Amino acid sequence: MKLVECVPNFSEGRRPEVVTAIRDAIAAVAGVHVLDASADASHNRCVITFVAPVDVAGDAAFAGIREALQRIDLGAHTGEHPRMG
């Protein structure tokens, strides 16, 4: 089985409950193993590192994206450097 590593960054680092919800959404996909989740309050970013079989890695990434879309308002986002997208 081939595995891939995915290291998505999300524009949230000050609300632990949001970081946890995104991490949990990713981890809920069968075959995914979350290796790390770290957040930085000053930059207001988090990074979640996971590995998954090639055929489900995209599903896991999009599960995190869906959760982030429900919980993060980029119009109100602030941090040490501006968001780029």
PDB file of N, CA and C in Angstrom:
ATOM      1  N   MET A   1       0.843  -1.171   0.000  1.00  0.00           N
ATOM      2  CA  MET A   1       0.000   0.000   0.000  1.00  0.00           C
ATOM      3  C   MET A   1       0.896   1.245   0.000  1.00  0.00           C
ATOM      4  N   LYS A   2       0.621   2.157  -0.917  1.00  0.00           N
ATOM      5  CA  LYS A   2       1.370   3.408  -0.980  1.00  0.00           C
ATOM      6  C   LYS A   2       0.700   4.443  -0.092  1.00  0.00           C
ATOM      7  N   LEU A   3       1.528   5.127   0.694  1.00  0.00           N
ATOM      8  CA  LEU A   3       1.045   6.197   1.563  1.00  0.00           C
ATOM      9  C   LEU A   3       1.577   7.525   1.064  1.00  0.00           C
ATOM     10  N   VAL A   4       0.827   8.579   1.322  1.00  0.00           N
ATOM     11  CA  VAL A   4       1.293   9.931   1.053  1.00  0.00           C
ATOM     12  C   VAL A   4       1.163  10.743   2.332  1.00  0.00           C
ATOM     13  N   GLU A   5       2.022  11.736   2.444  1.00  0.00           N
ATOM     14  CA  GLU A   5       1.946  12.667   3.568  1.00  0.00           C
ATOM     15  C   GLU A   5       1.297  13.945   3.067  1.00  0.00           C
ATOM     16  N   CYS A   6       0.441  14.505   3.876  1.00  0.00           N
ATOM     17  CA  CYS A   6      -0.226  15.758   3.546  1.00  0.00           C
ATOM     18  C   CYS A   6      -0.049  16.700   4.733  1.00  0.00           C
ATOM     19  N   VAL A   7       0.298  17.953   4.444  1.00  0.00           N
ATOM     20  CA  VAL A   7       0.587  18.923   5.502  1.00  0.00           C
ATOM     21  C   VAL A   7      -0.184  20.219   5.224  1.00  0.00           C
ATOM     22  N   PRO A   8      -1.515  20.177   5.368  1.00  0.00           N
ATOM     23  CA  PRO A   8      -2.292  21.389   5.123  1.00  0.00           C
ATOM     24  C   PRO A   8      -2.148  22.406   6.261  1.00  0.00           C
ATOM     25  N   ASN A   9      -2.185  23.665   5.877  1.00  0.00           N
ATOM     26  CA  ASN A   9      -2.170  24.786   6.817  1.00  0.00           C
ATOM     27  C   ASN A   9      -3.553  25.426   6.790  1.00  0.00           C
ATOM     28  N   PHE A  10      -4.039  25.806   7.945  1.00  0.00           N
ATOM     29  CA  PHE A  10      -5.344  26.447   8.055  1.00  0.00           C
ATOM     30  C   PHE A  10      -5.183  27.768   8.794  1.00  0.00           C
ATOM     31  N   SER A  11      -5.984  28.751   8.432  1.00  0.00           N
ATOM     32  CA  SER A  11      -5.901  30.087   9.024  1.00  0.00           C
ATOM     33  C   SER A  11      -6.645  30.148  10.349  1.00  0.00           C
ATOM     34  N   GLU A  12      -6.163  29.378  11.307  1.00  0.00           N
ATOM     35  CA  GLU A  12      -6.699  29.389  12.673  1.00  0.00           C
ATOM     36  C   GLU A  12      -5.640  28.850  13.619  1.00  0.00           C
ATOM     37  N   GLY A  13      -5.290  29.626  14.603  1.00  0.00           N
ATOM     38  CA  GLY A  13      -4.316  29.182  15.592  1.00  0.00           C
ATOM     39  C   GLY A  13      -4.613  29.681  16.985  1.00  0.00           C
ATOM     40  N   ARG A  14      -5.756  30.336  17.149  1.00  0.00           N
ATOM     41  CA  ARG A  14      -6.100  30.920  18.451  1.00  0.00           C
ATOM     42  C   ARG A  14      -7.273  30.238  19.138  1.00  0.00           C
ATOM     43  N   ARG A  15      -8.006  29.451  18.401  1.00  0.00           N
ATOM     44  CA  ARG A  15      -9.168  28.760  18.979  1.00  0.00           C
ATOM     45  C   ARG A  15      -8.920  27.250  18.917  1.00  0.00           C
ATOM     46  N   PRO A  16      -8.456  26.687  20.035  1.00  0.00           N
ATOM     47  CA  PRO A  16      -8.113  25.257  20.041  1.00  0.00           C
ATOM     48  C   PRO A  16      -9.265  24.355  19.625  1.00  0.00           C
ATOM     49  N   GLU A  17     -10.490  24.752  19.926  1.00  0.00           N
ATOM     50  CA  GLU A  17     -11.629  23.911  19.567  1.00  0.00           C
ATOM     51  C   GLU A  17     -11.805  23.807  18.055  1.00  0.00           C
ATOM     52  N   VAL A  18     -11.427  24.854  17.333  1.00  0.00           N
ATOM     53  CA  VAL A  18     -11.511  24.817  15.871  1.00  0.00           C
ATOM     54  C   VAL A  18     -10.410  23.921  15.305  1.00  0.00           C
ATOM     55  N   VAL A  19      -9.201  24.067  15.826  1.00  0.00           N
ATOM     56  CA  VAL A  19      -8.089  23.215  15.392  1.00  0.00           C
ATOM     57  C   VAL A  19      -8.433  21.745  15.646  1.00  0.00           C
ATOM     58  N   THR A  20      -8.983  21.462  16.818  1.00  0.00           N
ATOM     59  CA  THR A  20      -9.367  20.088  17.160  1.00  0.00           C
ATOM     60  C   THR A  20     -10.444  19.569  16.215  1.00  0.00           C
ATOM     61  N   ALA A  21     -11.423  20.388  15.893  1.00  0.00           N
ATOM     62  CA  ALA A  21     -12.500  19.961  14.993  1.00  0.00           C
ATOM     63  C   ALA A  21     -11.959  19.638  13.599  1.00  0.00           C
ATOM     64  N   ILE A  22     -11.040  20.453  13.107  1.00  0.00           N
ATOM     65  CA  ILE A  22     -10.439  20.195  11.793  1.00  0.00           C
ATOM     66  C   ILE A  22      -9.620  18.908  11.845  1.00  0.00           C
ATOM     67  N   ARG A  23      -8.801  18.767  12.874  1.00  0.00           N
ATOM     68  CA  ARG A  23      -7.993  17.550  13.041  1.00  0.00           C
ATOM     69  C   ARG A  23      -8.888  16.316  13.113  1.00  0.00           C
ATOM     70  N   ASP A  24      -9.960  16.397  13.889  1.00  0.00           N
ATOM     71  CA  ASP A  24     -10.866  15.261  14.045  1.00  0.00           C
ATOM     72  C   ASP A  24     -11.571  14.906  12.736  1.00  0.00           C
ATOM     73  N   ALA A  25     -11.916  15.909  11.941  1.00  0.00           N
ATOM     74  CA  ALA A  25     -12.556  15.646  10.649  1.00  0.00           C
ATOM     75  C   ALA A  25     -11.605  14.885   9.727  1.00  0.00           C
ATOM     76  N   ILE A  26     -10.348  15.267   9.740  1.00  0.00           N
ATOM     77  CA  ILE A  26      -9.341  14.571   8.933  1.00  0.00           C
ATOM     78  C   ILE A  26      -9.155  13.147   9.443  1.00  0.00           C
ATOM     79  N   ALA A  27      -9.018  13.007  10.751  1.00  0.00           N
ATOM     80  CA  ALA A  27      -8.764  11.696  11.361  1.00  0.00           C
ATOM     81  C   ALA A  27      -9.935  10.735  11.198  1.00  0.00           C
ATOM     82  N   ALA A  28     -11.131  11.249  10.962  1.00  0.00           N
ATOM     83  CA  ALA A  28     -12.315  10.394  10.843  1.00  0.00           C
ATOM     84  C   ALA A  28     -12.349   9.599   9.541  1.00  0.00           C
ATOM     85  N   VAL A  29     -11.525   9.972   8.587  1.00  0.00           N
ATOM     86  CA  VAL A  29     -11.483   9.245   7.315  1.00  0.00           C
ATOM     87  C   VAL A  29     -10.712   7.942   7.522  1.00  0.00           C
ATOM     88  N   ALA A  30     -11.314   6.840   7.131  1.00  0.00           N
ATOM     89  CA  ALA A  30     -10.700   5.521   7.339  1.00  0.00           C
ATOM     90  C   ALA A  30      -9.329   5.441   6.671  1.00  0.00           C
ATOM     91  N   GLY A  31      -8.351   4.950   7.413  1.00  0.00           N
ATOM     92  CA  GLY A  31      -7.001   4.769   6.896  1.00  0.00           C
ATOM     93  C   GLY A  31      -6.067   5.930   7.162  1.00  0.00           C
ATOM     94  N   VAL A  32      -6.588   7.020   7.705  1.00  0.00           N
ATOM     95  CA  VAL A  32      -5.778   8.215   7.960  1.00  0.00           C
ATOM     96  C   VAL A  32      -5.143   8.139   9.340  1.00  0.00           C
ATOM     97  N   HIS A  33      -3.894   8.558   9.411  1.00  0.00           N
ATOM     98  CA  HIS A  33      -3.195   8.662  10.692  1.00  0.00           C
ATOM     99  C   HIS A  33      -2.674  10.090  10.822  1.00  0.00           C
ATOM    100  N   VAL A  34      -3.213  10.840  11.785  1.00  0.00           N
ATOM    101  CA  VAL A  34      -2.728  12.195  12.047  1.00  0.00           C
ATOM    102  C   VAL A  34      -1.443  12.073  12.850  1.00  0.00           C
ATOM    103  N   LEU A  35      -0.375  12.659  12.332  1.00  0.00           N
ATOM    104  CA  LEU A  35       0.926  12.589  12.988  1.00  0.00           C
ATOM    105  C   LEU A  35       1.163  13.759  13.924  1.00  0.00           C
ATOM    106  N   ASP A  36       0.620  14.929  13.577  1.00  0.00           N
ATOM    107  CA  ASP A  36       0.857  16.115  14.397  1.00  0.00           C
ATOM    108  C   ASP A  36      -0.185  17.175  14.058  1.00  0.00           C
ATOM    109  N   ALA A  37      -0.498  17.974  15.045  1.00  0.00           N
ATOM    110  CA  ALA A  37      -1.331  19.161  14.851  1.00  0.00           C
ATOM    111  C   ALA A  37      -0.737  20.235  15.742  1.00  0.00           C
ATOM    112  N   SER A  38      -0.286  21.324  15.125  1.00  0.00           N
ATOM    113  CA  SER A  38       0.307  22.401  15.915  1.00  0.00           C
ATOM    114  C   SER A  38      -0.313  23.723  15.493  1.00  0.00           C
ATOM    115  N   ALA A  39      -0.384  24.642  16.443  1.00  0.00           N
ATOM    116  CA  ALA A  39      -0.996  25.945  16.189  1.00  0.00           C
ATOM    117  C   ALA A  39      -0.080  27.042  16.702  1.00  0.00           C
ATOM    118  N   ASP A  40      -0.142  28.181  16.049  1.00  0.00           N
ATOM    119  CA  ASP A  40       0.650  29.346  16.419  1.00  0.00           C
ATOM    120  C   ASP A  40      -0.300  30.532  16.551  1.00  0.00           C
ATOM    121  N   ALA A  41      -0.463  31.032  17.762  1.00  0.00           N
ATOM    122  CA  ALA A  41      -1.421  32.114  18.012  1.00  0.00           C
ATOM    123  C   ALA A  41      -1.009  33.422  17.348  1.00  0.00           C
ATOM    124  N   SER A  42       0.282  33.753  17.334  1.00  0.00           N
ATOM    125  CA  SER A  42       0.692  35.039  16.766  1.00  0.00           C
ATOM    126  C   SER A  42       0.462  35.092  15.255  1.00  0.00           C
ATOM    127  N   HIS A  43       0.704  33.990  14.566  1.00  0.00           N
ATOM    128  CA  HIS A  43       0.435  33.936  13.130  1.00  0.00           C
ATOM    129  C   HIS A  43      -1.015  33.553  12.840  1.00  0.00           C
ATOM    130  N   ASN A  44      -1.704  33.036  13.850  1.00  0.00           N
ATOM    131  CA  ASN A  44      -3.082  32.571  13.730  1.00  0.00           C
ATOM    132  C   ASN A  44      -3.207  31.525  12.626  1.00  0.00           C
ATOM    133  N   ARG A  45      -2.323  30.532  12.706  1.00  0.00           N
ATOM    134  CA  ARG A  45      -2.299  29.433  11.742  1.00  0.00           C
ATOM    135  C   ARG A  45      -2.150  28.111  12.484  1.00  0.00           C
ATOM    136  N   CYS A  46      -2.621  27.040  11.866  1.00  0.00           N
ATOM    137  CA  CYS A  46      -2.323  25.700  12.367  1.00  0.00           C
ATOM    138  C   CYS A  46      -1.885  24.838  11.192  1.00  0.00           C
ATOM    139  N   VAL A  47      -1.111  23.825  11.525  1.00  0.00           N
ATOM    140  CA  VAL A  47      -0.609  22.870  10.546  1.00  0.00           C
ATOM    141  C   VAL A  47      -0.973  21.485  11.055  1.00  0.00           C
ATOM    142  N   ILE A  48      -1.593  20.707  10.218  1.00  0.00           N
ATOM    143  CA  ILE A  48      -1.970  19.340  10.582  1.00  0.00           C
ATOM    144  C   ILE A  48      -1.258  18.401   9.616  1.00  0.00           C
ATOM    145  N   THR A  49      -0.448  17.513  10.153  1.00  0.00           N
ATOM    146  CA  THR A  49       0.307  16.566   9.337  1.00  0.00           C
ATOM    147  C   THR A  49      -0.333  15.193   9.445  1.00  0.00           C
ATOM    148  N   PHE A  50      -0.638  14.603   8.294  1.00  0.00           N
ATOM    149  CA  PHE A  50      -1.207  13.254   8.322  1.00  0.00           C
ATOM    150  C   PHE A  50      -0.670  12.423   7.168  1.00  0.00           C
ATOM    151  N   VAL A  51      -0.754  11.112   7.333  1.00  0.00           N
ATOM    152  CA  VAL A  51      -0.445  10.175   6.257  1.00  0.00           C
ATOM    153  C   VAL A  51      -1.695   9.348   5.991  1.00  0.00           C
ATOM    154  N   ALA A  52      -1.820   8.933   4.731  1.00  0.00           N
ATOM    155  CA  ALA A  52      -2.990   8.153   4.333  1.00  0.00           C
ATOM    156  C   ALA A  52      -2.670   7.401   3.052  1.00  0.00           C
ATOM    157  N   PRO A  53      -3.398   6.329   2.796  1.00  0.00           N
ATOM    158  CA  PRO A  53      -3.276   5.685   1.495  1.00  0.00           C
ATOM    159  C   PRO A  53      -3.626   6.693   0.397  1.00  0.00           C
ATOM    160  N   VAL A  54      -2.973   6.541  -0.739  1.00  0.00           N
ATOM    161  CA  VAL A  54      -3.159   7.476  -1.846  1.00  0.00           C
ATOM    162  C   VAL A  54      -4.634   7.683  -2.180  1.00  0.00           C
ATOM    163  N   ASP A  55      -5.422   6.622  -2.146  1.00  0.00           N
ATOM    164  CA  ASP A  55      -6.814   6.728  -2.579  1.00  0.00           C
ATOM    165  C   ASP A  55      -7.734   7.446  -1.601  1.00  0.00           C
ATOM    166  N   VAL A  56      -7.296   7.721  -0.374  1.00  0.00           N
ATOM    167  CA  VAL A  56      -8.154   8.444   0.578  1.00  0.00           C
ATOM    168  C   VAL A  56      -7.541   9.753   1.075  1.00  0.00           C
ATOM    169  N   ALA A  57      -6.318  10.051   0.680  1.00  0.00           N
ATOM    170  CA  ALA A  57      -5.662  11.277   1.156  1.00  0.00           C
ATOM    171  C   ALA A  57      -6.450  12.523   0.756  1.00  0.00           C
ATOM    172  N   GLY A  58      -6.945  12.560  -0.464  1.00  0.00           N
ATOM    173  CA  GLY A  58      -7.746  13.697  -0.906  1.00  0.00           C
ATOM    174  C   GLY A  58      -9.036  13.834  -0.121  1.00  0.00           C
ATOM    175  N   ASP A  59      -9.665  12.704   0.179  1.00  0.00           N
ATOM    176  CA  ASP A  59     -10.890  12.735   0.986  1.00  0.00           C
ATOM    177  C   ASP A  59     -10.613  13.345   2.358  1.00  0.00           C
ATOM    178  N   ALA A  60      -9.485  12.968   2.950  1.00  0.00           N
ATOM    179  CA  ALA A  60      -9.127  13.488   4.271  1.00  0.00           C
ATOM    180  C   ALA A  60      -8.843  14.984   4.211  1.00  0.00           C
ATOM    181  N   ALA A  61      -8.097  15.406   3.192  1.00  0.00           N
ATOM    182  CA  ALA A  61      -7.796  16.832   3.052  1.00  0.00           C
ATOM    183  C   ALA A  61      -9.086  17.636   2.896  1.00  0.00           C
ATOM    184  N   PHE A  62      -9.992  17.152   2.065  1.00  0.00           N
ATOM    185  CA  PHE A  62     -11.243  17.879   1.860  1.00  0.00           C
ATOM    186  C   PHE A  62     -12.162  17.813   3.069  1.00  0.00           C
ATOM    187  N   ALA A  63     -12.051  16.771   3.880  1.00  0.00           N
ATOM    188  CA  ALA A  63     -12.809  16.740   5.138  1.00  0.00           C
ATOM    189  C   ALA A  63     -12.345  17.880   6.044  1.00  0.00           C
ATOM    190  N   GLY A  64     -11.038  18.108   6.099  1.00  0.00           N
ATOM    191  CA  GLY A  64     -10.502  19.228   6.871  1.00  0.00           C
ATOM    192  C   GLY A  64     -10.939  20.565   6.298  1.00  0.00           C
ATOM    193  N   ILE A  65     -10.925  20.672   4.990  1.00  0.00           N
ATOM    194  CA  ILE A  65     -11.348  21.911   4.332  1.00  0.00           C
ATOM    195  C   ILE A  65     -12.819  22.208   4.632  1.00  0.00           C
ATOM    196  N   ARG A  66     -13.669  21.187   4.526  1.00  0.00           N
ATOM    197  CA  ARG A  66     -15.100  21.398   4.815  1.00  0.00           C
ATOM    198  C   ARG A  66     -15.313  21.898   6.241  1.00  0.00           C
ATOM    199  N   GLU A  67     -14.592  21.298   7.180  1.00  0.00           N
ATOM    200  CA  GLU A  67     -14.725  21.724   8.581  1.00  0.00           C
ATOM    201  C   GLU A  67     -14.231  23.157   8.746  1.00  0.00           C
ATOM    202  N   ALA A  68     -13.106  23.475   8.123  1.00  0.00           N
ATOM    203  CA  ALA A  68     -12.557  24.834   8.214  1.00  0.00           C
ATOM    204  C   ALA A  68     -13.518  25.858   7.618  1.00  0.00           C
ATOM    205  N   LEU A  69     -14.136  25.527   6.503  1.00  0.00           N
ATOM    206  CA  LEU A  69     -15.086  26.451   5.875  1.00  0.00           C
ATOM    207  C   LEU A  69     -16.250  26.790   6.794  1.00  0.00           C
ATOM    208  N   GLN A  70     -16.659  25.847   7.618  1.00  0.00           N
ATOM    209  CA  GLN A  70     -17.772  26.079   8.538  1.00  0.00           C
ATOM    210  C   GLN A  70     -17.364  26.914   9.746  1.00  0.00           C
ATOM    211  N   ARG A  71     -16.076  26.943  10.074  1.00  0.00           N
ATOM    212  CA  ARG A  71     -15.644  27.523  11.346  1.00  0.00           C
ATOM    213  C   ARG A  71     -14.734  28.749  11.240  1.00  0.00           C
ATOM    214  N   ILE A  72     -14.170  29.010  10.063  1.00  0.00           N
ATOM    215  CA  ILE A  72     -13.201  30.100   9.918  1.00  0.00           C
ATOM    216  C   ILE A  72     -13.763  31.171   8.992  1.00  0.00           C
ATOM    217  N   ASP A  73     -13.752  32.413   9.455  1.00  0.00           N
ATOM    218  CA  ASP A  73     -14.178  33.563   8.658  1.00  0.00           C
ATOM    219  C   ASP A  73     -12.927  34.349   8.274  1.00  0.00           C
ATOM    220  N   LEU A  74     -12.475  34.195   7.034  1.00  0.00           N
ATOM    221  CA  LEU A  74     -11.259  34.894   6.611  1.00  0.00           C
ATOM    222  C   LEU A  74     -11.447  36.405   6.553  1.00  0.00           C
ATOM    223  N   GLY A  75     -12.679  36.867   6.469  1.00  0.00           N
ATOM    224  CA  GLY A  75     -12.927  38.300   6.492  1.00  0.00           C
ATOM    225  C   GLY A  75     -12.585  38.926   7.829  1.00  0.00           C
ATOM    226  N   ALA A  76     -12.585  38.122   8.883  1.00  0.00           N
ATOM    227  CA  ALA A  76     -12.276  38.611  10.230  1.00  0.00           C
ATOM    228  C   ALA A  76     -10.912  38.126  10.718  1.00  0.00           C
ATOM    229  N   HIS A  77     -10.179  37.417   9.874  1.00  0.00           N
ATOM    230  CA  HIS A  77      -8.909  36.811  10.275  1.00  0.00           C
ATOM    231  C   HIS A  77      -7.822  37.867  10.461  1.00  0.00           C
ATOM    232  N   THR A  78      -7.052  37.723  11.529  1.00  0.00           N
ATOM    233  CA  THR A  78      -5.875  38.565  11.744  1.00  0.00           C
ATOM    234  C   THR A  78      -4.716  37.666  12.131  1.00  0.00           C
ATOM    235  N   GLY A  79      -3.506  38.134  11.847  1.00  0.00           N
ATOM    236  CA  GLY A  79      -2.307  37.380  12.196  1.00  0.00           C
ATOM    237  C   GLY A  79      -1.072  38.202  11.878  1.00  0.00           C
ATOM    238  N   GLU A  80       0.096  37.673  12.227  1.00  0.00           N
ATOM    239  CA  GLU A  80       1.356  38.394  12.036  1.00  0.00           C
ATOM    240  C   GLU A  80       1.690  38.649  10.578  1.00  0.00           C
ATOM    241  N   HIS A  81       1.231  37.796   9.683  1.00  0.00           N
ATOM    242  CA  HIS A  81       1.421  38.048   8.260  1.00  0.00           C
ATOM    243  C   HIS A  81       0.078  37.865   7.568  1.00  0.00           C
ATOM    244  N   PRO A  82      -0.151  38.579   6.459  1.00  0.00           N
ATOM    245  CA  PRO A  82      -1.468  38.533   5.828  1.00  0.00           C
ATOM    246  C   PRO A  82      -1.736  37.177   5.194  1.00  0.00           C
ATOM    247  N   ARG A  83      -2.998  36.845   5.103  1.00  0.00           N
ATOM    248  CA  ARG A  83      -3.363  35.611   4.401  1.00  0.00           C
ATOM    249  C   ARG A  83      -3.101  35.808   2.910  1.00  0.00           C
ATOM    250  N   MET A  84      -2.787  34.743   2.264  1.00  0.00           N
ATOM    251  CA  MET A  84      -2.427  34.827   0.847  1.00  0.00           C
ATOM    252  C   MET A  84      -3.478  34.208  -0.072  1.00  0.00           C
ATOM    253  N   GLY A  85      -4.550  33.702   0.470  1.00  0.00           N
ATOM    254  CA  GLY A  85      -5.545  33.095  -0.410  1.00  0.00           C
ATOM    255  C   GLY A  85      -6.704  32.584   0.367  1.00  0.00           C
TER     256      GLY A  85
END
